[in-house]
């Protein structure tokens, strides 16, 4: 089982590289990402979160399940929607549970990329699925949800993590 990397690990702050090899190893990696995500009751997981600096993520949220390789995210509805958000890579060091904070995200997005067989993927999303896509795509850019918070709130979370 792949271990979830936590804040402080440099892989989480490094922009991920595009996936170029669509082989058996990639298919196994995607399966392992789903296993790791389910093992900790997550709803989304990006490559860097398991120490793999590649542009891909998996998700299973709001009745939708899938994966996207080399995603390109487009904002369809820029209205900011604040909601509670946590991250498997930002756990409370005592409880090991994600630390939640209110984060504003775009109301609607479209993600485009490829699946494990190099077939095009295009998913329009709103609500929790849109939030998940934005969160996971930011992981691929070396960003964490705490980067969107006011400085004092981010500092408080960092002290707990």
N, C-alpha and C. Protein backbone atom coordinates (compact mmCIF):
# COMPACT_ATOMS: atom_id res chain seq x y z
N UNK A 1 0.85 -1.19 0.00
CA UNK A 1 0.00 0.00 0.00
C UNK A 1 0.89 1.24 0.00
N UNK A 2 0.57 2.15 -0.87
CA UNK A 2 1.31 3.40 -0.95
C UNK A 2 0.98 4.30 0.24
N UNK A 3 1.99 4.95 0.77
CA UNK A 3 1.82 5.83 1.92
C UNK A 3 1.45 7.24 1.44
N UNK A 4 0.51 7.88 2.14
CA UNK A 4 0.13 9.25 1.82
C UNK A 4 1.20 10.18 2.36
N UNK A 5 1.75 11.01 1.49
CA UNK A 5 2.75 12.00 1.89
C UNK A 5 2.06 13.16 2.58
N UNK A 6 2.72 13.72 3.60
CA UNK A 6 2.13 14.82 4.36
C UNK A 6 2.95 16.09 4.18
N UNK A 7 2.28 17.18 4.53
CA UNK A 7 2.88 18.51 4.38
C UNK A 7 4.27 18.51 5.00
N UNK A 8 5.21 19.10 4.29
CA UNK A 8 6.61 19.07 4.67
C UNK A 8 7.41 18.22 3.69
N UNK A 9 6.75 17.29 3.03
CA UNK A 9 7.42 16.47 2.01
C UNK A 9 7.56 17.32 0.75
N UNK A 10 8.77 17.48 0.22
CA UNK A 10 8.98 18.35 -0.94
C UNK A 10 8.18 17.96 -2.19
N UNK A 11 7.80 16.69 -2.34
CA UNK A 11 7.06 16.28 -3.53
C UNK A 11 5.72 17.01 -3.61
N UNK A 12 5.17 17.41 -2.46
CA UNK A 12 3.88 18.10 -2.45
C UNK A 12 3.98 19.55 -2.92
N UNK A 13 5.19 20.08 -2.93
CA UNK A 13 5.40 21.48 -3.33
C UNK A 13 6.11 21.60 -4.69
N UNK A 14 6.24 20.48 -5.37
CA UNK A 14 6.93 20.45 -6.67
C UNK A 14 5.90 20.20 -7.77
N UNK A 15 5.85 21.06 -8.80
CA UNK A 15 4.93 20.78 -9.91
C UNK A 15 5.22 19.41 -10.52
N UNK A 16 4.17 18.65 -10.74
CA UNK A 16 4.29 17.29 -11.27
C UNK A 16 4.59 17.31 -12.77
N UNK A 17 5.24 16.25 -13.22
CA UNK A 17 5.59 16.09 -14.63
C UNK A 17 4.46 15.41 -15.39
N UNK A 18 4.29 15.75 -16.68
CA UNK A 18 3.26 15.07 -17.48
C UNK A 18 3.53 13.57 -17.58
N UNK A 19 2.47 12.81 -17.67
CA UNK A 19 2.56 11.37 -17.90
C UNK A 19 2.83 11.17 -19.38
N UNK A 20 3.85 10.38 -19.70
CA UNK A 20 4.18 10.11 -21.11
C UNK A 20 4.08 8.64 -21.46
N UNK A 21 4.19 7.77 -20.45
CA UNK A 21 4.14 6.32 -20.70
C UNK A 21 2.80 5.76 -20.23
N UNK A 22 2.03 5.27 -21.17
CA UNK A 22 0.73 4.67 -20.87
C UNK A 22 0.89 3.15 -20.95
N UNK A 23 1.44 2.60 -19.89
CA UNK A 23 1.80 1.20 -19.89
C UNK A 23 1.18 0.48 -18.70
N UNK A 24 1.58 -0.75 -18.51
CA UNK A 24 1.08 -1.57 -17.41
C UNK A 24 1.39 -0.93 -16.06
N UNK A 25 2.57 -0.32 -15.96
CA UNK A 25 2.97 0.33 -14.70
C UNK A 25 2.00 1.47 -14.35
N UNK A 26 1.57 2.23 -15.34
CA UNK A 26 0.62 3.31 -15.10
C UNK A 26 -0.72 2.74 -14.63
N UNK A 27 -1.19 1.70 -15.26
CA UNK A 27 -2.45 1.09 -14.85
C UNK A 27 -2.37 0.58 -13.41
N UNK A 28 -1.24 -0.01 -13.05
CA UNK A 28 -1.04 -0.49 -11.69
C UNK A 28 -1.00 0.70 -10.71
N UNK A 29 -0.35 1.78 -11.11
CA UNK A 29 -0.29 2.97 -10.27
C UNK A 29 -1.69 3.52 -9.99
N UNK A 30 -2.53 3.59 -11.00
CA UNK A 30 -3.89 4.09 -10.81
C UNK A 30 -4.65 3.20 -9.84
N UNK A 31 -4.52 1.89 -10.00
CA UNK A 31 -5.17 0.96 -9.07
C UNK A 31 -4.67 1.17 -7.64
N UNK A 32 -3.37 1.37 -7.48
CA UNK A 32 -2.79 1.59 -6.16
C UNK A 32 -3.26 2.92 -5.57
N UNK A 33 -3.47 3.92 -6.42
CA UNK A 33 -3.96 5.20 -5.94
C UNK A 33 -5.38 5.06 -5.39
N UNK A 34 -6.23 4.32 -6.09
CA UNK A 34 -7.57 4.08 -5.57
C UNK A 34 -7.50 3.34 -4.24
N UNK A 35 -6.65 2.31 -4.13
CA UNK A 35 -6.52 1.56 -2.87
C UNK A 35 -6.10 2.47 -1.74
N UNK A 36 -5.09 3.31 -1.99
CA UNK A 36 -4.60 4.23 -0.95
C UNK A 36 -5.68 5.22 -0.54
N UNK A 37 -6.41 5.74 -1.51
CA UNK A 37 -7.47 6.70 -1.23
C UNK A 37 -8.57 6.06 -0.39
N UNK A 38 -9.02 4.88 -0.79
CA UNK A 38 -10.08 4.20 -0.04
C UNK A 38 -9.63 3.80 1.36
N UNK A 39 -8.37 3.45 1.51
CA UNK A 39 -7.85 3.01 2.82
C UNK A 39 -7.97 4.09 3.87
N UNK A 40 -7.96 5.35 3.44
CA UNK A 40 -8.05 6.47 4.40
C UNK A 40 -9.34 7.26 4.22
N UNK A 41 -10.32 6.65 3.56
CA UNK A 41 -11.63 7.27 3.36
C UNK A 41 -11.58 8.61 2.62
N UNK A 42 -10.67 8.70 1.65
CA UNK A 42 -10.58 9.91 0.84
C UNK A 42 -11.56 9.89 -0.31
N UNK A 43 -11.70 11.05 -0.96
CA UNK A 43 -12.56 11.17 -2.13
C UNK A 43 -11.78 11.55 -3.38
N UNK A 44 -10.52 11.91 -3.20
CA UNK A 44 -9.65 12.26 -4.32
C UNK A 44 -8.20 12.09 -3.89
N UNK A 45 -7.34 11.80 -4.86
CA UNK A 45 -5.93 11.61 -4.55
C UNK A 45 -5.11 11.91 -5.80
N UNK A 46 -4.10 12.74 -5.65
CA UNK A 46 -3.21 13.11 -6.76
C UNK A 46 -1.88 12.37 -6.63
N UNK A 47 -1.23 12.15 -7.76
CA UNK A 47 0.05 11.44 -7.79
C UNK A 47 1.04 11.89 -6.73
N UNK A 48 1.31 13.21 -6.61
CA UNK A 48 2.28 13.65 -5.61
C UNK A 48 1.94 13.23 -4.18
N UNK A 49 0.67 13.02 -3.89
CA UNK A 49 0.28 12.64 -2.54
C UNK A 49 0.76 11.25 -2.15
N UNK A 50 1.16 10.45 -3.13
CA UNK A 50 1.76 9.15 -2.81
C UNK A 50 3.22 9.12 -3.27
N UNK A 51 3.79 10.31 -3.46
CA UNK A 51 5.21 10.42 -3.79
C UNK A 51 5.54 10.24 -5.25
N UNK A 52 4.52 10.26 -6.12
CA UNK A 52 4.74 10.09 -7.56
C UNK A 52 4.48 11.43 -8.23
N UNK A 53 5.54 12.08 -8.68
CA UNK A 53 5.42 13.41 -9.26
C UNK A 53 5.00 13.32 -10.72
N UNK A 54 3.78 12.84 -10.93
CA UNK A 54 3.19 12.72 -12.26
C UNK A 54 1.81 13.37 -12.24
N UNK A 55 1.40 13.93 -13.37
CA UNK A 55 0.14 14.66 -13.48
C UNK A 55 -1.03 13.70 -13.68
N UNK A 56 -1.54 13.16 -12.59
CA UNK A 56 -2.74 12.34 -12.63
C UNK A 56 -3.41 12.36 -11.27
N UNK A 57 -4.73 12.16 -11.29
CA UNK A 57 -5.46 12.02 -10.04
C UNK A 57 -6.61 11.04 -10.22
N UNK A 58 -7.06 10.52 -9.08
CA UNK A 58 -8.23 9.64 -9.03
C UNK A 58 -9.28 10.30 -8.14
N UNK A 59 -10.54 9.91 -8.34
CA UNK A 59 -11.60 10.48 -7.52
C UNK A 59 -12.77 9.50 -7.43
N UNK A 60 -13.51 9.63 -6.34
CA UNK A 60 -14.74 8.88 -6.13
C UNK A 60 -15.57 9.70 -5.17
N UNK A 61 -16.45 10.53 -5.72
CA UNK A 61 -17.20 11.50 -4.92
C UNK A 61 -18.52 11.80 -5.61
N UNK A 62 -19.52 12.03 -4.81
CA UNK A 62 -20.84 12.44 -5.32
C UNK A 62 -21.36 11.49 -6.41
N UNK A 63 -21.11 10.19 -6.23
CA UNK A 63 -21.60 9.22 -7.18
C UNK A 63 -20.81 9.13 -8.48
N UNK A 64 -19.69 9.81 -8.53
CA UNK A 64 -18.85 9.80 -9.74
C UNK A 64 -17.48 9.27 -9.37
N UNK A 65 -16.96 8.38 -10.19
CA UNK A 65 -15.65 7.76 -9.95
C UNK A 65 -14.86 7.78 -11.24
N UNK A 66 -13.55 8.04 -11.13
CA UNK A 66 -12.72 8.01 -12.32
C UNK A 66 -11.30 8.44 -12.04
N UNK A 67 -10.59 8.65 -13.12
CA UNK A 67 -9.22 9.14 -13.05
C UNK A 67 -8.99 10.03 -14.25
N UNK A 68 -8.05 10.95 -14.11
CA UNK A 68 -7.70 11.86 -15.20
C UNK A 68 -6.18 11.99 -15.23
N UNK A 69 -5.64 11.78 -16.41
CA UNK A 69 -4.20 11.88 -16.63
C UNK A 69 -3.93 13.14 -17.43
N UNK A 70 -2.91 13.88 -17.03
CA UNK A 70 -2.54 15.15 -17.65
C UNK A 70 -3.74 16.09 -17.75
N UNK A 71 -4.41 16.35 -16.61
CA UNK A 71 -5.62 17.16 -16.64
C UNK A 71 -5.38 18.63 -16.98
N UNK A 72 -6.34 19.18 -17.67
CA UNK A 72 -6.42 20.61 -17.93
C UNK A 72 -7.75 21.06 -17.37
N UNK A 73 -7.73 22.00 -16.43
CA UNK A 73 -8.92 22.45 -15.75
C UNK A 73 -9.34 23.81 -16.31
N UNK A 74 -10.61 23.95 -16.64
CA UNK A 74 -11.18 25.21 -17.11
C UNK A 74 -12.31 25.59 -16.18
N UNK A 75 -12.34 26.85 -15.77
CA UNK A 75 -13.42 27.35 -14.92
C UNK A 75 -14.58 27.76 -15.81
N UNK A 76 -15.74 27.15 -15.58
CA UNK A 76 -16.94 27.48 -16.34
C UNK A 76 -17.81 28.51 -15.62
N UNK A 77 -17.82 28.43 -14.30
CA UNK A 77 -18.61 29.35 -13.48
C UNK A 77 -17.70 29.84 -12.35
N UNK A 78 -17.18 31.07 -12.48
CA UNK A 78 -16.19 31.56 -11.51
C UNK A 78 -16.76 32.01 -10.16
N UNK A 79 -18.08 31.91 -9.98
CA UNK A 79 -18.65 32.32 -8.70
C UNK A 79 -17.97 31.54 -7.57
N UNK A 80 -17.44 32.29 -6.59
CA UNK A 80 -16.79 31.65 -5.45
C UNK A 80 -17.82 31.00 -4.54
N UNK A 81 -17.60 29.73 -4.24
CA UNK A 81 -18.46 28.99 -3.33
C UNK A 81 -17.61 28.54 -2.15
N UNK A 82 -17.82 29.15 -0.98
CA UNK A 82 -17.08 28.71 0.20
C UNK A 82 -17.67 27.42 0.77
N UNK A 83 -16.80 26.51 1.18
CA UNK A 83 -17.24 25.27 1.80
C UNK A 83 -16.07 24.67 2.56
N UNK A 84 -16.38 23.74 3.46
CA UNK A 84 -15.36 23.05 4.24
C UNK A 84 -14.54 22.15 3.32
N UNK A 85 -13.24 22.17 3.53
CA UNK A 85 -12.33 21.36 2.72
C UNK A 85 -11.18 20.89 3.60
N UNK A 86 -10.78 19.66 3.38
CA UNK A 86 -9.63 19.10 4.07
C UNK A 86 -8.74 18.41 3.07
N UNK A 87 -7.66 17.84 3.56
CA UNK A 87 -6.70 17.19 2.66
C UNK A 87 -6.01 16.06 3.40
N UNK A 88 -5.91 14.92 2.71
CA UNK A 88 -5.22 13.77 3.30
C UNK A 88 -3.76 14.08 3.60
N UNK A 89 -3.19 15.04 2.88
CA UNK A 89 -1.78 15.40 3.08
C UNK A 89 -1.58 16.50 4.11
N UNK A 90 -2.67 16.94 4.72
CA UNK A 90 -2.58 17.94 5.79
C UNK A 90 -3.37 17.41 7.00
N UNK A 91 -2.85 16.34 7.63
CA UNK A 91 -3.55 15.77 8.78
C UNK A 91 -3.08 16.41 10.10
N UNK A 92 -3.96 16.34 11.07
CA UNK A 92 -3.60 16.72 12.44
C UNK A 92 -2.57 15.69 12.91
N UNK A 93 -1.45 16.15 13.40
CA UNK A 93 -0.38 15.20 13.76
C UNK A 93 -0.76 14.29 14.91
N UNK A 94 -1.73 14.69 15.73
CA UNK A 94 -2.16 13.84 16.85
C UNK A 94 -3.22 12.82 16.44
N UNK A 95 -4.22 13.28 15.69
CA UNK A 95 -5.33 12.39 15.34
C UNK A 95 -5.15 11.71 13.98
N UNK A 96 -4.26 12.24 13.16
CA UNK A 96 -4.03 11.75 11.78
C UNK A 96 -5.22 11.98 10.86
N UNK A 97 -6.20 12.75 11.32
CA UNK A 97 -7.37 13.09 10.50
C UNK A 97 -7.12 14.41 9.77
N UNK A 98 -7.68 14.57 8.57
CA UNK A 98 -7.51 15.84 7.85
C UNK A 98 -8.01 17.03 8.67
N UNK A 99 -7.34 18.14 8.52
CA UNK A 99 -7.73 19.39 9.17
C UNK A 99 -8.58 20.16 8.15
N UNK A 100 -9.78 20.54 8.56
CA UNK A 100 -10.71 21.21 7.66
C UNK A 100 -10.69 22.73 7.86
N UNK A 101 -10.96 23.44 6.76
CA UNK A 101 -11.09 24.89 6.79
C UNK A 101 -12.04 25.28 5.66
N UNK A 102 -12.61 26.48 5.78
CA UNK A 102 -13.49 26.97 4.72
C UNK A 102 -12.65 27.56 3.60
N UNK A 103 -12.84 27.03 2.40
CA UNK A 103 -12.09 27.45 1.22
C UNK A 103 -13.09 27.80 0.13
N UNK A 104 -12.87 28.93 -0.54
CA UNK A 104 -13.73 29.32 -1.67
C UNK A 104 -13.16 28.72 -2.95
N UNK A 105 -14.03 28.09 -3.73
CA UNK A 105 -13.66 27.49 -5.01
C UNK A 105 -14.69 27.90 -6.05
N UNK A 106 -14.31 27.81 -7.32
CA UNK A 106 -15.23 28.11 -8.41
C UNK A 106 -16.40 27.13 -8.39
N UNK A 107 -17.58 27.63 -8.74
CA UNK A 107 -18.80 26.83 -8.69
C UNK A 107 -18.84 25.74 -9.76
N UNK A 108 -18.26 26.00 -10.93
CA UNK A 108 -18.31 25.02 -12.00
C UNK A 108 -17.02 24.96 -12.79
N UNK A 109 -16.61 23.75 -13.12
CA UNK A 109 -15.37 23.56 -13.89
C UNK A 109 -15.56 22.42 -14.90
N UNK A 110 -14.65 22.38 -15.85
CA UNK A 110 -14.53 21.24 -16.75
C UNK A 110 -13.09 20.76 -16.67
N UNK A 111 -12.91 19.46 -16.55
CA UNK A 111 -11.57 18.89 -16.57
C UNK A 111 -11.47 18.02 -17.83
N UNK A 112 -10.36 18.19 -18.54
CA UNK A 112 -10.09 17.40 -19.74
C UNK A 112 -8.72 16.76 -19.59
N UNK A 113 -8.58 15.57 -20.11
CA UNK A 113 -7.31 14.87 -20.06
C UNK A 113 -7.46 13.55 -20.77
N UNK A 114 -6.76 12.56 -20.24
CA UNK A 114 -6.77 11.23 -20.83
C UNK A 114 -7.05 10.18 -19.76
N UNK A 115 -7.53 9.02 -20.18
CA UNK A 115 -7.66 7.90 -19.26
C UNK A 115 -6.46 6.97 -19.43
N UNK A 116 -6.47 5.87 -18.71
CA UNK A 116 -5.32 4.94 -18.71
C UNK A 116 -5.05 4.32 -20.07
N UNK A 117 -6.02 4.36 -20.97
CA UNK A 117 -5.84 3.80 -22.32
C UNK A 117 -5.62 4.90 -23.36
N UNK A 118 -5.32 6.10 -22.89
CA UNK A 118 -5.07 7.29 -23.72
C UNK A 118 -6.31 7.78 -24.46
N UNK A 119 -7.48 7.43 -23.95
CA UNK A 119 -8.72 7.93 -24.53
C UNK A 119 -9.03 9.28 -23.89
N UNK A 120 -9.61 10.21 -24.65
CA UNK A 120 -9.96 11.51 -24.09
C UNK A 120 -10.99 11.41 -22.97
N UNK A 121 -10.80 12.23 -21.95
CA UNK A 121 -11.73 12.34 -20.83
C UNK A 121 -12.14 13.81 -20.75
N UNK A 122 -13.44 14.04 -20.62
CA UNK A 122 -13.95 15.41 -20.43
C UNK A 122 -15.12 15.32 -19.47
N UNK A 123 -14.98 15.98 -18.31
CA UNK A 123 -16.03 15.93 -17.30
C UNK A 123 -16.35 17.34 -16.85
N UNK A 124 -17.64 17.72 -16.98
CA UNK A 124 -18.12 18.98 -16.44
C UNK A 124 -18.57 18.71 -15.01
N UNK A 125 -18.27 19.64 -14.11
CA UNK A 125 -18.58 19.38 -12.71
C UNK A 125 -19.03 20.66 -12.00
N UNK A 126 -19.90 20.43 -11.02
CA UNK A 126 -20.35 21.47 -10.10
C UNK A 126 -20.32 20.86 -8.70
N UNK A 127 -20.48 21.68 -7.70
CA UNK A 127 -20.57 21.19 -6.33
C UNK A 127 -19.30 20.51 -5.86
N UNK A 128 -19.47 19.41 -5.11
CA UNK A 128 -18.33 18.74 -4.49
C UNK A 128 -17.38 18.14 -5.53
N UNK A 129 -17.90 17.72 -6.67
CA UNK A 129 -17.02 17.17 -7.71
C UNK A 129 -16.13 18.28 -8.29
N UNK A 130 -16.70 19.45 -8.52
CA UNK A 130 -15.91 20.59 -9.01
C UNK A 130 -14.83 20.97 -8.00
N UNK A 131 -15.20 20.96 -6.72
CA UNK A 131 -14.23 21.27 -5.66
C UNK A 131 -13.10 20.25 -5.67
N UNK A 132 -13.44 18.97 -5.79
CA UNK A 132 -12.44 17.91 -5.82
C UNK A 132 -11.49 18.10 -7.00
N UNK A 133 -12.02 18.36 -8.19
CA UNK A 133 -11.16 18.55 -9.37
C UNK A 133 -10.20 19.71 -9.18
N UNK A 134 -10.68 20.81 -8.60
CA UNK A 134 -9.81 21.96 -8.36
C UNK A 134 -8.72 21.63 -7.34
N UNK A 135 -9.13 20.96 -6.28
CA UNK A 135 -8.19 20.58 -5.21
C UNK A 135 -7.09 19.67 -5.76
N UNK A 136 -7.49 18.63 -6.48
CA UNK A 136 -6.50 17.66 -6.99
C UNK A 136 -5.61 18.28 -8.06
N UNK A 137 -6.16 19.12 -8.90
CA UNK A 137 -5.35 19.78 -9.93
C UNK A 137 -4.31 20.69 -9.29
N UNK A 138 -4.68 21.36 -8.21
CA UNK A 138 -3.70 22.21 -7.52
C UNK A 138 -2.56 21.37 -6.94
N UNK A 139 -2.86 20.16 -6.47
CA UNK A 139 -1.78 19.28 -6.01
C UNK A 139 -0.75 19.07 -7.12
N UNK A 140 -1.23 18.94 -8.34
CA UNK A 140 -0.32 18.68 -9.47
C UNK A 140 0.53 19.89 -9.80
N UNK A 141 0.12 21.06 -9.30
CA UNK A 141 0.89 22.30 -9.49
C UNK A 141 1.75 22.63 -8.28
N UNK A 142 1.80 21.72 -7.31
CA UNK A 142 2.61 21.95 -6.11
C UNK A 142 1.95 22.84 -5.08
N UNK A 143 0.62 22.92 -5.12
CA UNK A 143 -0.12 23.77 -4.19
C UNK A 143 -1.00 22.93 -3.27
N UNK A 144 -1.29 23.49 -2.09
CA UNK A 144 -2.17 22.86 -1.12
C UNK A 144 -3.30 23.82 -0.77
N UNK A 145 -4.40 23.29 -0.25
CA UNK A 145 -5.55 24.13 0.06
C UNK A 145 -5.20 25.22 1.06
N UNK A 146 -4.22 24.99 1.93
CA UNK A 146 -3.86 26.00 2.92
C UNK A 146 -3.29 27.25 2.26
N UNK A 147 -2.82 27.12 1.02
CA UNK A 147 -2.29 28.29 0.29
C UNK A 147 -3.40 29.28 -0.05
N UNK A 148 -4.63 28.85 -0.01
CA UNK A 148 -5.78 29.71 -0.34
C UNK A 148 -6.34 30.40 0.90
N UNK A 149 -5.82 30.06 2.06
CA UNK A 149 -6.36 30.59 3.32
C UNK A 149 -5.65 31.88 3.73
N UNK A 150 -6.33 32.70 4.56
CA UNK A 150 -5.65 33.86 5.14
C UNK A 150 -4.42 33.38 5.92
N UNK A 151 -3.41 34.19 5.95
CA UNK A 151 -2.12 33.83 6.55
C UNK A 151 -2.25 33.28 7.97
N UNK A 152 -3.03 33.94 8.83
CA UNK A 152 -3.18 33.50 10.23
C UNK A 152 -3.84 32.13 10.32
N UNK A 153 -4.85 31.90 9.49
CA UNK A 153 -5.55 30.62 9.51
C UNK A 153 -4.63 29.50 8.99
N UNK A 154 -3.88 29.80 7.95
CA UNK A 154 -2.93 28.81 7.41
C UNK A 154 -1.87 28.47 8.46
N UNK A 155 -1.37 29.47 9.17
CA UNK A 155 -0.36 29.27 10.20
C UNK A 155 -0.90 28.37 11.31
N UNK A 156 -2.15 28.61 11.71
CA UNK A 156 -2.78 27.80 12.76
C UNK A 156 -2.88 26.33 12.34
N UNK A 157 -3.25 26.09 11.10
CA UNK A 157 -3.33 24.73 10.59
C UNK A 157 -1.95 24.09 10.55
N UNK A 158 -0.96 24.84 10.11
CA UNK A 158 0.40 24.31 10.02
C UNK A 158 0.94 23.91 11.39
N UNK A 159 0.53 24.62 12.44
CA UNK A 159 0.97 24.28 13.78
C UNK A 159 0.36 22.94 14.25
N UNK A 160 -0.83 22.63 13.75
CA UNK A 160 -1.49 21.37 14.10
C UNK A 160 -0.99 20.20 13.27
N UNK A 161 -0.54 20.49 12.08
CA UNK A 161 -0.14 19.42 11.14
C UNK A 161 1.25 18.89 11.45
